[in-house]
N, C-alpha and C. Protein backbone atom coordinates (compact mmCIF):
# COMPACT_ATOMS: atom_id res chain seq x y z
N MET A 1 -2.52 -26.61 -19.04
CA MET A 1 -1.91 -25.46 -17.61
C MET A 1 -1.88 -23.94 -18.80
N ALA A 2 -2.25 -23.29 -18.10
CA ALA A 2 -2.05 -21.89 -18.87
C ALA A 2 -0.78 -21.24 -19.03
N PRO A 3 -0.08 -20.78 -19.68
CA PRO A 3 1.48 -20.20 -19.64
C PRO A 3 0.87 -18.64 -18.86
N ALA A 4 1.69 -18.18 -17.85
CA ALA A 4 1.73 -16.75 -17.66
C ALA A 4 0.95 -16.52 -16.84
N ALA A 5 0.44 -17.32 -15.94
CA ALA A 5 -0.44 -17.53 -14.64
C ALA A 5 0.38 -17.33 -13.46
N LEU A 6 0.12 -16.46 -13.13
CA LEU A 6 1.07 -15.68 -11.74
C LEU A 6 0.18 -15.51 -10.60
N LEU A 7 0.27 -16.13 -9.21
CA LEU A 7 -0.47 -16.13 -7.84
C LEU A 7 0.44 -15.80 -6.90
N ILE A 8 0.11 -14.67 -6.71
CA ILE A 8 1.19 -13.86 -5.58
C ILE A 8 -0.02 -14.31 -4.19
N GLY A 9 0.66 -14.10 -3.52
CA GLY A 9 0.55 -14.52 -1.79
C GLY A 9 0.30 -15.38 -1.20
N LEU A 10 1.09 -16.37 -2.00
CA LEU A 10 0.99 -17.86 -1.39
C LEU A 10 2.21 -17.77 -0.07
N GLY A 11 2.66 -17.00 -0.14
CA GLY A 11 3.67 -16.74 1.11
C GLY A 11 5.16 -16.93 0.61
N THR A 12 5.49 -18.15 0.17
CA THR A 12 6.47 -18.46 -0.31
C THR A 12 7.03 -18.16 -1.84
N GLY A 13 6.21 -18.06 -2.52
CA GLY A 13 6.26 -17.76 -3.98
C GLY A 13 5.56 -17.70 -5.16
N CYS A 14 5.47 -18.32 -5.94
CA CYS A 14 4.47 -17.94 -7.46
C CYS A 14 3.98 -19.74 -7.64
N SER A 15 2.63 -19.56 -7.88
CA SER A 15 2.38 -21.02 -8.68
C SER A 15 1.86 -20.66 -9.93
N LEU A 16 2.25 -21.73 -11.23
CA LEU A 16 1.11 -21.90 -12.10
C LEU A 16 -0.28 -22.55 -12.05
N LEU A 17 -1.33 -21.74 -12.76
CA LEU A 17 -2.76 -22.16 -12.09
C LEU A 17 -3.51 -22.13 -13.62
N GLU A 18 -4.30 -23.40 -13.28
CA GLU A 18 -5.14 -23.57 -14.59
C GLU A 18 -6.36 -23.07 -14.78
N THR A 19 -6.74 -22.58 -15.91
CA THR A 19 -8.07 -21.74 -15.79
C THR A 19 -9.08 -22.04 -16.05
N GLU A 20 -10.23 -21.32 -14.75
CA GLU A 20 -11.36 -21.46 -14.62
C GLU A 20 -12.10 -20.33 -15.59
N PRO A 21 -13.12 -20.70 -15.67
CA PRO A 21 -14.21 -19.30 -16.16
C PRO A 21 -14.40 -18.36 -15.19
N GLU A 22 -14.67 -17.04 -15.75
CA GLU A 22 -15.09 -15.89 -15.30
C GLU A 22 -16.95 -16.09 -14.60
N PRO A 23 -16.94 -15.45 -13.63
CA PRO A 23 -18.40 -15.56 -12.87
C PRO A 23 -19.09 -14.39 -13.91
N ALA A 24 -20.21 -14.89 -13.70
CA ALA A 24 -21.39 -14.14 -14.46
C ALA A 24 -21.49 -12.52 -14.25
N LYS A 25 -21.30 -11.76 -15.00
CA LYS A 25 -22.07 -10.51 -14.65
C LYS A 25 -23.44 -10.30 -14.23
N GLU A 26 -24.03 -9.84 -13.55
CA GLU A 26 -25.30 -9.18 -13.65
C GLU A 26 -25.65 -8.64 -14.93
N ALA A 27 -26.85 -8.86 -15.24
CA ALA A 27 -27.56 -8.08 -16.29
C ALA A 27 -27.40 -6.38 -16.03
N GLY A 28 -27.01 -5.76 -17.43
CA GLY A 28 -27.12 -4.25 -17.45
C GLY A 28 -26.28 -3.94 -16.55
N SER A 29 -25.04 -4.25 -15.94
CA SER A 29 -23.95 -3.98 -14.99
C SER A 29 -22.62 -4.27 -15.36
N ASP A 30 -21.78 -3.71 -14.69
CA ASP A 30 -20.15 -3.85 -14.79
C ASP A 30 -20.48 -4.78 -13.21
N LYS A 31 -20.70 -5.06 -12.27
CA LYS A 31 -20.59 -5.35 -11.54
C LYS A 31 -20.82 -6.81 -11.71
N VAL A 32 -20.12 -7.85 -11.19
CA VAL A 32 -19.81 -9.46 -10.93
C VAL A 32 -21.01 -9.61 -10.02
N ALA A 33 -21.80 -10.68 -10.22
CA ALA A 33 -22.47 -10.95 -9.39
C ALA A 33 -21.85 -11.35 -7.93
N GLY A 34 -21.98 -10.73 -6.93
CA GLY A 34 -21.79 -11.00 -5.50
C GLY A 34 -20.61 -10.29 -4.96
N GLY A 35 -20.62 -9.23 -6.13
CA GLY A 35 -19.50 -8.48 -6.28
C GLY A 35 -20.09 -6.82 -5.48
N ALA A 36 -19.00 -6.23 -5.00
CA ALA A 36 -19.50 -4.83 -4.20
C ALA A 36 -18.60 -4.00 -4.53
N LYS A 37 -18.66 -2.42 -4.77
CA LYS A 37 -17.67 -1.45 -5.21
C LYS A 37 -16.82 -1.36 -4.61
N PRO A 38 -15.26 -0.95 -5.18
CA PRO A 38 -14.06 -0.99 -4.30
C PRO A 38 -14.54 0.39 -3.30
N ALA A 39 -13.27 -0.13 -1.64
CA ALA A 39 -14.09 0.85 -0.58
C ALA A 39 -13.01 1.74 -0.87
N GLU A 40 -13.54 3.07 -0.39
CA GLU A 40 -12.86 4.31 -0.28
C GLU A 40 -11.61 3.85 0.55
N ILE A 41 -10.21 4.63 0.56
CA ILE A 41 -9.38 3.89 1.01
C ILE A 41 -9.15 5.37 1.96
N GLU A 42 -9.55 5.75 3.41
CA GLU A 42 -9.45 6.77 4.09
C GLU A 42 -8.31 6.96 5.07
N GLU A 43 -7.54 6.16 5.46
CA GLU A 43 -6.30 6.27 6.03
C GLU A 43 -5.17 6.77 5.08
N THR A 44 -4.00 7.28 5.54
CA THR A 44 -3.14 7.73 4.52
C THR A 44 -1.79 7.46 5.51
N VAL A 45 -0.78 7.13 4.74
CA VAL A 45 0.65 6.88 4.97
C VAL A 45 1.41 7.90 4.53
N ALA A 46 2.61 7.62 5.22
CA ALA A 46 4.05 8.77 5.21
C ALA A 46 4.57 8.21 3.89
N LYS A 47 5.05 9.19 2.80
CA LYS A 47 5.73 8.78 1.64
C LYS A 47 7.11 8.65 1.89
N GLY A 48 7.53 7.61 1.27
CA GLY A 48 9.20 7.14 1.10
C GLY A 48 9.87 8.06 0.07
N GLY A 49 9.30 7.99 -0.93
CA GLY A 49 10.38 8.13 -2.09
C GLY A 49 9.19 8.04 -3.57
N THR A 50 9.86 7.82 -4.84
CA THR A 50 9.09 8.02 -5.93
C THR A 50 9.55 6.89 -6.66
N VAL A 51 9.01 6.25 -7.62
CA VAL A 51 9.78 4.98 -8.46
C VAL A 51 9.08 5.30 -9.91
N GLY A 52 9.92 5.32 -10.52
CA GLY A 52 9.81 5.77 -12.28
C GLY A 52 10.29 6.23 -13.19
N GLY A 53 11.17 7.52 -11.98
CA GLY A 53 11.89 8.04 -13.10
C GLY A 53 13.44 7.51 -13.37
N LYS A 54 14.22 8.10 -14.05
CA LYS A 54 15.16 7.49 -14.60
C LYS A 54 16.34 7.31 -13.15
N ALA A 55 16.17 8.25 -11.99
CA ALA A 55 16.83 7.25 -10.91
C ALA A 55 16.17 6.53 -10.14
N SER A 56 15.28 6.24 -10.33
CA SER A 56 14.52 5.06 -9.33
C SER A 56 14.88 3.93 -9.85
N PRO A 57 14.93 2.99 -8.93
CA PRO A 57 15.16 1.11 -9.21
C PRO A 57 14.52 0.50 -10.97
N CYS A 58 13.61 1.20 -10.78
CA CYS A 58 12.12 1.02 -12.25
C CYS A 58 12.33 1.81 -12.99
N ALA A 59 12.31 1.58 -14.20
CA ALA A 59 12.10 2.28 -15.14
C ALA A 59 10.85 2.44 -16.10
N LEU A 60 10.04 3.23 -15.42
CA LEU A 60 8.69 3.19 -15.77
C LEU A 60 8.06 4.08 -16.95
N PRO A 61 6.95 4.46 -17.64
CA PRO A 61 6.26 5.39 -18.51
C PRO A 61 5.62 6.12 -17.48
N VAL A 62 5.45 6.22 -16.49
CA VAL A 62 4.73 7.14 -15.05
C VAL A 62 5.54 6.46 -14.08
N THR A 63 5.67 7.88 -12.94
CA THR A 63 6.22 8.10 -11.69
C THR A 63 5.03 7.93 -10.73
N PHE A 64 5.07 7.34 -8.93
CA PHE A 64 4.28 7.60 -8.56
C PHE A 64 5.27 7.62 -6.91
N ASP A 65 4.32 7.70 -5.92
CA ASP A 65 4.92 7.45 -5.09
C ASP A 65 5.12 6.15 -4.26
N ILE A 66 5.74 5.99 -3.26
CA ILE A 66 5.60 4.74 -2.22
C ILE A 66 5.92 5.34 -1.12
N ALA A 67 5.18 4.23 -0.19
CA ALA A 67 5.11 4.38 1.40
C ALA A 67 6.69 4.06 1.93
N LYS A 68 6.71 5.13 3.09
CA LYS A 68 7.73 4.93 3.66
C LYS A 68 8.62 3.67 4.18
N ASP A 69 9.65 2.94 3.78
CA ASP A 69 9.97 1.92 3.89
C ASP A 69 9.75 0.65 3.04
N TRP A 70 9.14 1.22 2.30
CA TRP A 70 8.71 0.31 1.02
C TRP A 70 9.73 -0.09 0.23
N LYS A 71 10.27 -1.07 -0.74
CA LYS A 71 11.41 -1.16 -1.45
C LYS A 71 11.04 -1.62 -2.40
N ALA A 72 11.58 -0.61 -3.98
CA ALA A 72 11.15 -1.34 -5.04
C ALA A 72 12.31 -2.15 -5.70
N GLU A 73 11.67 -2.78 -6.70
CA GLU A 73 12.84 -3.54 -7.43
C GLU A 73 12.47 -3.67 -8.67
N ALA A 74 13.34 -3.85 -9.69
CA ALA A 74 12.92 -4.06 -11.27
C ALA A 74 12.63 -5.42 -11.15
N VAL A 75 12.10 -6.14 -12.19
CA VAL A 75 11.82 -7.51 -12.48
C VAL A 75 12.45 -7.93 -14.28
N SER A 76 13.35 -8.78 -14.02
CA SER A 76 14.14 -9.08 -14.83
C SER A 76 13.94 -10.61 -14.97
N MET A 77 13.30 -10.98 -16.20
CA MET A 77 13.01 -12.63 -16.36
C MET A 77 13.21 -12.67 -17.36
N PRO A 78 13.32 -13.65 -18.07
CA PRO A 78 13.37 -14.21 -19.56
C PRO A 78 11.76 -14.51 -19.91
N PRO A 79 11.43 -13.61 -21.00
CA PRO A 79 9.90 -14.06 -21.20
C PRO A 79 9.44 -15.70 -21.54
N GLU A 80 10.47 -16.15 -21.71
CA GLU A 80 9.95 -17.71 -22.18
C GLU A 80 9.74 -18.41 -20.71
N ILE A 81 10.34 -17.91 -19.60
CA ILE A 81 9.66 -18.64 -18.40
C ILE A 81 8.33 -18.40 -17.84
N GLY A 82 7.83 -17.33 -18.20
CA GLY A 82 5.99 -17.16 -18.25
C GLY A 82 5.77 -16.91 -16.91
N LEU A 83 6.97 -16.33 -16.20
CA LEU A 83 6.35 -16.22 -14.45
C LEU A 83 5.78 -14.59 -14.45
N ASN A 84 6.57 -14.08 -15.17
CA ASN A 84 6.49 -12.66 -15.40
C ASN A 84 5.40 -11.93 -16.27
N THR A 85 4.37 -12.74 -16.84
CA THR A 85 3.19 -11.92 -17.63
C THR A 85 2.09 -12.73 -17.42
N ALA A 86 1.25 -11.90 -17.52
CA ALA A 86 -0.17 -12.57 -17.47
C ALA A 86 -0.80 -11.63 -18.80
N ALA A 87 -1.96 -12.78 -19.18
CA ALA A 87 -2.58 -11.85 -20.47
C ALA A 87 -1.81 -11.09 -21.29
N ASN A 88 -2.08 -9.91 -21.25
CA ASN A 88 -0.69 -9.17 -22.57
C ASN A 88 -0.12 -7.64 -21.82
N VAL A 89 0.15 -8.60 -20.49
CA VAL A 89 0.85 -7.33 -19.61
C VAL A 89 2.46 -8.26 -19.15
N SER A 90 2.87 -7.47 -18.89
CA SER A 90 4.63 -8.02 -17.98
C SER A 90 4.67 -7.12 -16.47
N LEU A 91 5.46 -8.08 -16.02
CA LEU A 91 5.47 -7.79 -14.82
C LEU A 91 7.21 -7.31 -14.62
N VAL A 92 7.00 -6.00 -14.43
CA VAL A 92 8.31 -4.90 -14.96
C VAL A 92 8.90 -4.36 -13.41
N CYS A 93 8.25 -4.35 -12.52
CA CYS A 93 8.46 -3.81 -11.07
C CYS A 93 7.72 -4.24 -9.72
N GLU A 94 8.30 -4.51 -8.80
CA GLU A 94 7.78 -4.78 -8.02
C GLU A 94 8.22 -3.78 -6.32
N ILE A 95 7.08 -3.00 -5.47
CA ILE A 95 7.89 -2.71 -4.51
C ILE A 95 7.22 -3.61 -3.04
N ASP A 96 8.33 -3.60 -2.31
CA ASP A 96 8.28 -4.81 -1.10
C ASP A 96 7.58 -4.06 -0.15
N ALA A 97 6.74 -4.47 0.54
CA ALA A 97 6.33 -4.12 1.76
C ALA A 97 6.97 -4.84 2.55
N LYS A 98 7.54 -5.74 2.83
CA LYS A 98 8.49 -6.12 4.11
C LYS A 98 8.94 -5.59 5.01
N PRO A 99 9.91 -4.27 4.43
CA PRO A 99 10.51 -3.52 5.17
C PRO A 99 9.57 -2.82 6.44
N ALA A 100 8.62 -2.25 5.70
CA ALA A 100 7.75 -1.56 6.48
C ALA A 100 6.79 -2.81 7.38
N GLY A 101 6.91 -3.78 7.84
CA GLY A 101 5.92 -4.50 8.48
C GLY A 101 5.36 -5.50 7.97
N SER A 102 4.71 -5.26 6.87
CA SER A 102 3.97 -6.16 5.89
C SER A 102 4.15 -7.38 5.13
N ILE A 103 3.31 -8.33 4.80
CA ILE A 103 4.06 -9.40 3.95
C ILE A 103 2.99 -9.04 2.50
N GLY A 104 3.47 -8.27 1.47
CA GLY A 104 2.84 -8.46 0.32
C GLY A 104 3.80 -7.59 -1.02
N PHE A 105 2.92 -7.03 -1.62
CA PHE A 105 3.82 -6.35 -2.63
C PHE A 105 2.84 -5.45 -3.52
N LEU A 106 3.31 -4.43 -4.27
CA LEU A 106 2.73 -3.41 -4.75
C LEU A 106 3.63 -3.78 -6.57
N ARG A 107 2.46 -4.30 -7.29
CA ARG A 107 3.16 -4.95 -8.61
C ARG A 107 2.99 -3.65 -9.42
N VAL A 108 3.86 -3.75 -10.74
CA VAL A 108 3.61 -2.68 -11.76
C VAL A 108 3.45 -3.66 -12.81
N TRP A 109 2.61 -3.91 -14.05
CA TRP A 109 2.71 -4.87 -15.05
C TRP A 109 2.82 -3.41 -16.14
N THR A 110 3.49 -3.86 -17.38
CA THR A 110 2.71 -2.82 -18.43
C THR A 110 2.46 -3.51 -19.78
N GLY A 111 1.73 -3.12 -20.88
CA GLY A 111 1.53 -3.77 -21.89
C GLY A 111 2.27 -2.88 -23.06
N ASP A 112 2.60 -3.43 -24.04
CA ASP A 112 3.08 -2.65 -25.55
C ASP A 112 1.76 -2.53 -26.62
N GLN A 113 0.81 -2.52 -26.55
CA GLN A 113 -0.33 -2.50 -27.23
C GLN A 113 -0.95 -1.07 -27.23
N GLU A 114 -0.44 -0.14 -27.88
CA GLU A 114 -0.81 1.40 -27.93
C GLU A 114 -2.52 1.44 -27.75
N THR A 115 -3.03 0.64 -28.56
CA THR A 115 -4.85 0.97 -28.41
C THR A 115 -5.29 0.18 -27.12
N GLU A 116 -4.84 -0.71 -26.26
CA GLU A 116 -5.53 -1.51 -25.72
C GLU A 116 -6.25 -0.78 -24.51
N ASP A 117 -7.56 -1.52 -24.45
CA ASP A 117 -8.55 -0.42 -23.57
C ASP A 117 -8.45 -1.18 -22.19
N PRO A 118 -7.88 -0.23 -21.14
CA PRO A 118 -7.84 -0.11 -20.06
C PRO A 118 -8.87 -1.64 -19.01
N ARG A 119 -9.85 -1.06 -19.45
CA ARG A 119 -10.68 -2.21 -18.66
C ARG A 119 -11.10 -3.31 -19.58
N ARG A 120 -10.45 -3.66 -20.21
CA ARG A 120 -10.69 -5.20 -21.24
C ARG A 120 -9.11 -5.69 -20.66
N ALA A 121 -7.90 -4.85 -20.78
CA ALA A 121 -6.54 -5.33 -20.24
C ALA A 121 -6.85 -5.67 -18.76
N LEU A 122 -7.38 -5.28 -18.04
CA LEU A 122 -7.56 -5.81 -16.48
C LEU A 122 -8.50 -6.59 -16.65
N GLN A 123 -9.55 -6.89 -17.47
CA GLN A 123 -10.28 -7.99 -16.85
C GLN A 123 -9.54 -8.86 -17.37
N LEU A 124 -8.73 -9.04 -18.74
CA LEU A 124 -7.70 -10.44 -18.99
C LEU A 124 -6.87 -10.71 -17.87
N PHE A 125 -6.61 -9.57 -17.35
CA PHE A 125 -5.25 -9.75 -16.41
C PHE A 125 -5.98 -10.31 -15.43
N ILE A 126 -6.61 -10.26 -14.85
CA ILE A 126 -7.66 -10.88 -13.31
C ILE A 126 -8.12 -12.20 -14.26
N THR A 127 -8.25 -12.50 -14.87
CA THR A 127 -8.93 -13.63 -15.41
C THR A 127 -7.42 -14.93 -15.39
N ASP A 128 -6.47 -14.28 -15.89
CA ASP A 128 -5.08 -15.03 -15.79
C ASP A 128 -4.59 -15.02 -14.74
N SER A 129 -4.86 -14.00 -13.91
CA SER A 129 -3.37 -13.93 -12.93
C SER A 129 -4.87 -14.68 -11.25
N ALA A 130 -5.90 -14.67 -11.38
CA ALA A 130 -6.80 -15.12 -10.32
C ALA A 130 -7.72 -16.07 -10.91
N LYS A 131 -7.26 -17.24 -11.06
CA LYS A 131 -8.37 -17.94 -11.92
C LYS A 131 -9.68 -18.44 -11.18
N SER A 132 -9.75 -18.45 -9.72
CA SER A 132 -11.38 -18.24 -9.30
C SER A 132 -11.25 -17.49 -8.25
N ARG A 133 -12.21 -16.78 -8.28
CA ARG A 133 -12.40 -15.68 -7.42
C ARG A 133 -13.89 -15.32 -7.53
N GLU A 134 -14.32 -14.49 -6.12
CA GLU A 134 -15.82 -14.03 -6.18
C GLU A 134 -15.43 -12.69 -5.45
N ALA A 135 -16.50 -11.85 -5.63
CA ALA A 135 -16.93 -10.19 -4.83
C ALA A 135 -16.26 -9.40 -5.97
N GLU A 136 -16.46 -9.86 -7.35
CA GLU A 136 -15.88 -9.27 -8.29
C GLU A 136 -16.18 -7.62 -8.75
N GLU A 137 -15.56 -6.88 -8.42
CA GLU A 137 -16.28 -5.24 -8.97
C GLU A 137 -15.35 -4.44 -9.53
N TYR A 138 -15.67 -4.17 -11.03
CA TYR A 138 -14.99 -3.07 -11.34
C TYR A 138 -15.87 -1.58 -11.18
N SER A 139 -15.11 -0.52 -11.12
CA SER A 139 -15.01 1.03 -11.07
C SER A 139 -14.34 1.94 -11.85
N GLU A 140 -15.34 3.02 -12.53
CA GLU A 140 -14.18 3.73 -12.66
C GLU A 140 -13.72 4.86 -11.84
N THR A 141 -12.24 5.15 -12.24
CA THR A 141 -11.77 5.56 -10.68
C THR A 141 -10.44 6.90 -11.74
N ARG A 142 -9.75 7.81 -11.02
CA ARG A 142 -8.38 8.33 -11.61
C ARG A 142 -7.41 7.68 -10.77
N ALA A 143 -6.25 7.47 -11.37
CA ALA A 143 -4.91 7.53 -10.89
C ALA A 143 -4.28 8.34 -11.22
N GLY A 144 -4.23 9.35 -10.56
CA GLY A 144 -3.57 10.61 -10.39
C GLY A 144 -4.24 11.31 -11.53
N GLU A 145 -3.33 11.90 -12.25
CA GLU A 145 -4.03 12.77 -13.68
C GLU A 145 -4.60 11.96 -14.74
N TYR A 146 -4.52 10.31 -14.36
CA TYR A 146 -5.21 9.49 -15.72
C TYR A 146 -6.72 9.00 -15.32
N GLU A 147 -7.35 9.15 -16.08
CA GLU A 147 -8.34 8.15 -16.12
C GLU A 147 -8.40 6.54 -16.09
N ALA A 148 -8.99 5.95 -14.96
CA ALA A 148 -8.52 4.73 -15.04
C ALA A 148 -10.09 3.55 -14.11
N VAL A 149 -9.35 2.52 -14.44
CA VAL A 149 -10.37 1.25 -14.13
C VAL A 149 -10.09 0.62 -13.17
N GLU A 150 -10.49 0.62 -12.00
CA GLU A 150 -10.32 -0.28 -10.74
C GLU A 150 -10.96 -1.97 -10.55
N VAL A 151 -10.71 -2.42 -9.86
CA VAL A 151 -10.96 -4.03 -9.76
C VAL A 151 -10.70 -4.39 -7.84
N SER A 152 -11.86 -4.56 -7.13
CA SER A 152 -11.29 -5.58 -6.51
C SER A 152 -12.33 -6.84 -6.17
N TYR A 153 -11.74 -7.94 -5.50
CA TYR A 153 -12.20 -9.32 -5.58
C TYR A 153 -11.59 -10.22 -4.22
N LEU A 154 -12.13 -10.78 -4.07
CA LEU A 154 -11.46 -12.06 -3.71
C LEU A 154 -11.32 -13.47 -4.40
N ASN A 155 -9.79 -13.69 -4.20
CA ASN A 155 -9.26 -14.71 -4.51
C ASN A 155 -9.45 -15.94 -3.73
N THR A 156 -9.94 -16.72 -4.73
CA THR A 156 -10.66 -18.14 -3.75
C THR A 156 -10.12 -19.44 -4.32
N HIS A 157 -9.01 -19.47 -4.91
CA HIS A 157 -7.95 -20.67 -5.59
C HIS A 157 -8.00 -21.41 -3.87
N ASP A 158 -8.27 -22.96 -4.75
CA ASP A 158 -7.89 -23.80 -3.30
C ASP A 158 -6.39 -23.88 -2.92
N LEU A 159 -5.68 -23.50 -3.48
CA LEU A 159 -4.38 -23.40 -2.83
C LEU A 159 -3.73 -22.71 -1.87
N LEU A 160 -4.84 -21.58 -1.97
CA LEU A 160 -5.05 -20.58 -0.81
C LEU A 160 -5.61 -21.40 1.02
N ASP A 161 -5.21 -20.71 1.85
CA ASP A 161 -5.47 -21.41 3.33
C ASP A 161 -7.26 -20.77 3.33
N GLU A 162 -7.30 -19.51 3.00
CA GLU A 162 -8.71 -18.80 2.90
C GLU A 162 -8.90 -17.86 1.86
N PRO A 163 -9.85 -17.63 1.55
CA PRO A 163 -9.86 -16.54 0.61
C PRO A 163 -9.61 -15.08 1.03
N LYS A 164 -8.60 -14.23 0.08
CA LYS A 164 -7.90 -13.25 0.30
C LYS A 164 -8.16 -11.91 -0.60
N LYS A 165 -8.49 -10.90 -0.20
CA LYS A 165 -8.68 -9.72 -1.10
C LYS A 165 -7.30 -9.34 -1.79
N GLU A 166 -8.10 -8.76 -3.04
CA GLU A 166 -7.14 -8.35 -4.09
C GLU A 166 -7.46 -7.46 -4.79
N ARG A 167 -6.77 -6.38 -5.09
CA ARG A 167 -7.14 -5.02 -6.29
C ARG A 167 -5.75 -4.77 -6.75
N ALA A 168 -6.64 -3.73 -7.79
CA ALA A 168 -5.68 -3.53 -8.81
C ALA A 168 -6.52 -2.51 -9.69
N PHE A 169 -5.42 -1.57 -10.60
CA PHE A 169 -6.16 -0.48 -11.18
C PHE A 169 -5.17 -0.54 -12.72
N ALA A 170 -5.73 0.10 -13.48
CA ALA A 170 -5.32 0.15 -15.07
C ALA A 170 -5.67 1.35 -15.46
N PHE A 171 -4.77 1.98 -16.58
CA PHE A 171 -4.72 3.21 -17.26
C PHE A 171 -3.91 2.94 -18.70
N ALA A 172 -4.24 4.09 -19.51
CA ALA A 172 -3.64 3.89 -20.87
C ALA A 172 -2.56 5.32 -20.46
N MET A 173 -1.67 4.75 -20.90
CA MET A 173 -0.53 5.42 -21.77
C MET A 173 0.12 5.64 -23.20
N PRO A 174 0.92 6.31 -23.57
CA PRO A 174 0.93 6.10 -25.03
C PRO A 174 1.28 5.13 -25.10
N GLN A 175 2.70 4.36 -24.62
CA GLN A 175 3.20 3.32 -24.92
C GLN A 175 2.56 1.72 -24.55
N GLY A 176 1.29 2.11 -23.97
CA GLY A 176 0.27 0.71 -23.18
C GLY A 176 -0.13 1.21 -22.24
N VAL A 177 -1.06 -0.07 -21.92
CA VAL A 177 -1.58 0.18 -20.42
C VAL A 177 -0.70 -0.11 -19.62
N VAL A 178 -1.06 0.37 -18.38
CA VAL A 178 -0.10 0.01 -17.08
C VAL A 178 -1.57 -0.55 -16.00
N ILE A 179 -1.24 -1.50 -15.49
CA ILE A 179 -1.42 -2.40 -14.26
C ILE A 179 -0.95 -2.31 -12.90
N MET A 180 -1.87 -1.56 -11.94
CA MET A 180 -1.11 -1.61 -10.73
C MET A 180 -1.55 -2.11 -9.71
N GLN A 181 -1.09 -3.65 -8.69
CA GLN A 181 -2.05 -4.97 -8.44
C GLN A 181 -1.05 -4.38 -6.93
N LEU A 182 -2.02 -4.59 -6.23
CA LEU A 182 -2.11 -4.73 -4.43
C LEU A 182 -1.97 -6.40 -4.03
N ASP A 183 -1.36 -7.35 -3.72
CA ASP A 183 -1.38 -8.40 -3.40
C ASP A 183 -0.65 -8.52 -2.01
N GLY A 184 -1.37 -9.12 -0.96
CA GLY A 184 -0.87 -9.75 0.30
C GLY A 184 -0.83 -11.00 0.38
N MET A 185 -0.13 -11.38 1.45
CA MET A 185 -0.16 -12.95 2.16
C MET A 185 -1.76 -12.85 2.15
N ASP A 186 -2.61 -12.22 2.38
CA ASP A 186 -3.99 -12.32 3.13
C ASP A 186 -4.63 -11.21 3.62
N SER A 187 -6.25 -11.33 3.51
CA SER A 187 -7.02 -10.04 3.83
C SER A 187 -6.79 -9.17 4.83
N ALA A 188 -5.84 -9.54 6.03
CA ALA A 188 -5.82 -8.52 6.76
C ALA A 188 -4.23 -7.74 6.49
N GLU A 189 -3.33 -8.59 5.72
CA GLU A 189 -2.12 -8.19 5.16
C GLU A 189 -2.64 -6.80 3.89
N HIS A 190 -3.53 -7.63 3.14
CA HIS A 190 -4.42 -6.32 2.47
C HIS A 190 -4.71 -5.35 2.66
N ASP A 191 -5.60 -5.30 3.87
CA ASP A 191 -6.09 -4.36 4.62
C ASP A 191 -4.95 -3.33 5.06
N ALA A 192 -3.94 -3.51 5.53
CA ALA A 192 -2.86 -2.83 6.19
C ALA A 192 -2.12 -2.25 5.11
N MET A 193 -2.05 -2.68 4.02
CA MET A 193 -1.35 -2.26 2.79
C MET A 193 -2.02 -1.11 1.77
N LEU A 194 -3.49 -1.45 2.42
CA LEU A 194 -4.04 -0.25 1.18
C LEU A 194 -3.90 1.49 1.53
N PRO A 195 -3.21 2.06 2.28
CA PRO A 195 -2.94 3.24 2.34
C PRO A 195 -2.03 3.50 1.25
N ALA A 196 -1.13 2.40 1.37
CA ALA A 196 0.25 2.65 0.46
C ALA A 196 -0.27 2.75 -0.70
N TYR A 197 -1.07 1.64 -1.17
CA TYR A 197 -1.94 1.38 -2.54
C TYR A 197 -2.32 2.95 -3.07
N GLY A 198 -2.91 3.23 -2.05
CA GLY A 198 -3.85 4.66 -1.87
C GLY A 198 -2.81 5.65 -2.36
N LEU A 199 -1.51 5.93 -1.92
CA LEU A 199 -0.68 6.72 -1.71
C LEU A 199 -0.24 6.70 -3.72
N ALA A 200 -0.17 5.36 -4.28
CA ALA A 200 0.44 5.37 -5.05
C ALA A 200 -0.39 5.95 -6.27
N LYS A 201 -1.67 5.23 -5.80
CA LYS A 201 -2.88 5.72 -7.34
C LYS A 201 -2.86 7.15 -7.07
N GLU A 202 -2.51 7.36 -6.09
CA GLU A 202 -3.57 9.34 -6.42
C GLU A 202 -2.46 10.00 -6.80
N SER A 203 -1.08 9.29 -6.67
CA SER A 203 0.34 9.92 -7.05
C SER A 203 0.69 9.72 -8.66
N VAL A 204 0.04 8.96 -9.17
CA VAL A 204 0.65 8.74 -10.72
C VAL A 204 0.72 9.77 -11.47
N ARG A 205 1.83 10.29 -12.19
CA ARG A 205 1.74 11.11 -13.25
C ARG A 205 3.03 10.85 -14.37
N ALA A 206 2.81 11.38 -15.24
CA ALA A 206 4.05 10.98 -16.53
C ALA A 206 5.66 11.50 -15.86
N SER A 207 6.00 10.35 -16.32
CA SER A 207 7.93 10.02 -15.83
C SER A 207 8.25 11.21 -17.44
């Protein structure tokens, strides 16, 4: 059983999952077989506050906007427990969508390796946190003022009632890589929360 593997969105908590191999990529492409480019987020959502500054619940190397009624909370857990780490990053902040009527989270993971490549970090993170997946697609994007890499995929682990959409993006900071992950209870919740994810992504700036 791989340590620090965290599956979100099972509705009641977290589960440690065993490692499975990554899907094969198509020759000459960053696209994983069966994947599709992450869809553009067309809808918008009202801003409810900011996260990342000294006065916010989560002290982060970056600041970003969160949707109205979403609630941020710092994650503090002994590293030896392993539930707040995946690959080379640690979970440091959760923004809960439940007060806004959705079931899911926007989660912020950070690394401490200054030279970590965002694409590689994101690939390792997805391999560790979504052991079984399909339709995996990486693309170059921007997170506010930073160059970033984004991935979308279907989490197909057999503990789920049905495959569900998940999405994340990563970018480099002097302190290490930052990964922001959208994880809903199911694909419908995922789609409903995409505007909030888009707001956070577009508003990223240094703290």
